[in-house]
Amino acid sequence: MNPTWRSGTVELLDGYTLTDSEGRRTSTVHGVRFAIEGGYLNVEVPGVPHVQIVSAPAVRLVTCDGVLTS
């Protein structure tokens, strides 16, 4: 099964972080691609060369701007 990628903003609970496009650890990232797969959120941040994976219980809020076709 291929994940459905969406664009938007991801906000994590206190104590959890993602790497932003400038290499800083932050709890909120904007303008990202994300996909929900099992109990995990896969997050692609522009400028970060790898997909970051977060367990669903660490997620505070996901705001979706739209579904991506590619």
Protein backbone atom coordinates (compact mmCIF):
# COMPACT_ATOMS: atom_id res chain seq x y z
CA MET A 1 0.00 0.00 0.00
CA ASN A 2 1.34 3.42 -0.94
CA PRO A 3 0.86 6.19 1.61
CA THR A 4 -1.15 9.27 0.63
CA TRP A 5 1.06 12.36 0.95
CA ARG A 6 -0.49 15.63 2.05
CA SER A 7 0.88 19.13 2.59
CA GLY A 8 0.44 21.15 5.75
CA THR A 9 1.67 21.83 9.28
CA VAL A 10 2.62 19.34 11.99
CA GLU A 11 2.68 20.24 15.69
CA LEU A 12 4.04 17.82 18.30
CA LEU A 13 3.39 17.56 22.03
CA ASP A 14 5.87 19.04 24.51
CA GLY A 15 9.07 17.00 24.66
CA TYR A 16 8.91 15.84 21.02
CA THR A 17 10.72 17.54 18.14
CA LEU A 18 11.39 17.41 14.42
CA THR A 19 14.33 18.91 12.55
CA ASP A 20 13.33 22.01 10.58
CA SER A 21 14.79 23.21 7.28
CA GLU A 22 17.58 25.07 9.11
CA GLY A 23 18.66 22.06 11.16
CA ARG A 24 17.02 23.22 14.41
CA ARG A 25 14.90 21.00 16.66
CA THR A 26 11.34 22.33 16.86
CA SER A 27 7.90 21.10 17.86
CA THR A 28 6.11 22.75 14.90
CA VAL A 29 6.99 22.56 11.21
CA HIS A 30 5.14 24.39 8.42
CA GLY A 31 5.04 23.73 4.68
CA VAL A 32 5.82 20.03 5.01
CA ARG A 33 4.64 16.85 3.29
CA PHE A 34 3.26 14.16 5.58
CA ALA A 35 1.68 10.72 5.33
CA ILE A 36 -0.08 8.65 7.98
CA GLU A 37 1.05 5.04 7.94
CA GLY A 38 -0.01 2.62 10.66
CA GLY A 39 0.50 4.38 13.98
CA TYR A 40 3.13 6.72 12.59
CA LEU A 41 3.35 10.07 10.86
CA ASN A 42 6.00 10.30 8.12
CA VAL A 43 7.17 13.89 7.72
CA GLU A 44 9.21 15.35 4.83
CA VAL A 45 10.57 18.80 5.69
CA PRO A 46 11.98 20.83 2.76
CA GLY A 47 15.77 21.00 3.07
CA VAL A 48 16.03 17.92 5.31
CA PRO A 49 17.46 14.97 3.34
CA HIS A 50 15.49 12.24 5.15
CA VAL A 51 11.92 11.40 6.13
CA GLN A 52 11.31 11.89 9.85
CA ILE A 53 8.98 9.39 11.52
CA VAL A 54 6.93 10.26 14.60
CA SER A 55 4.73 7.94 16.66
CA ALA A 56 1.09 9.09 16.51
CA PRO A 57 0.78 9.67 20.30
CA ALA A 58 3.47 12.42 20.00
CA VAL A 59 1.31 14.46 17.59
CA ARG A 60 -0.68 17.41 18.98
CA LEU A 61 -2.17 18.73 15.72
CA VAL A 62 -1.92 18.20 11.97
CA THR A 63 -3.30 20.86 9.64
CA CYS A 64 -3.79 19.72 6.06
CA ASP A 65 -3.50 22.16 3.15
CA GLY A 66 -4.29 19.48 0.55
CA VAL A 67 -3.61 16.05 -0.91
CA LEU A 68 -0.56 15.81 -3.18
CA THR A 69 -0.70 13.87 -6.42
CA SER A 70 3.04 13.29 -6.75
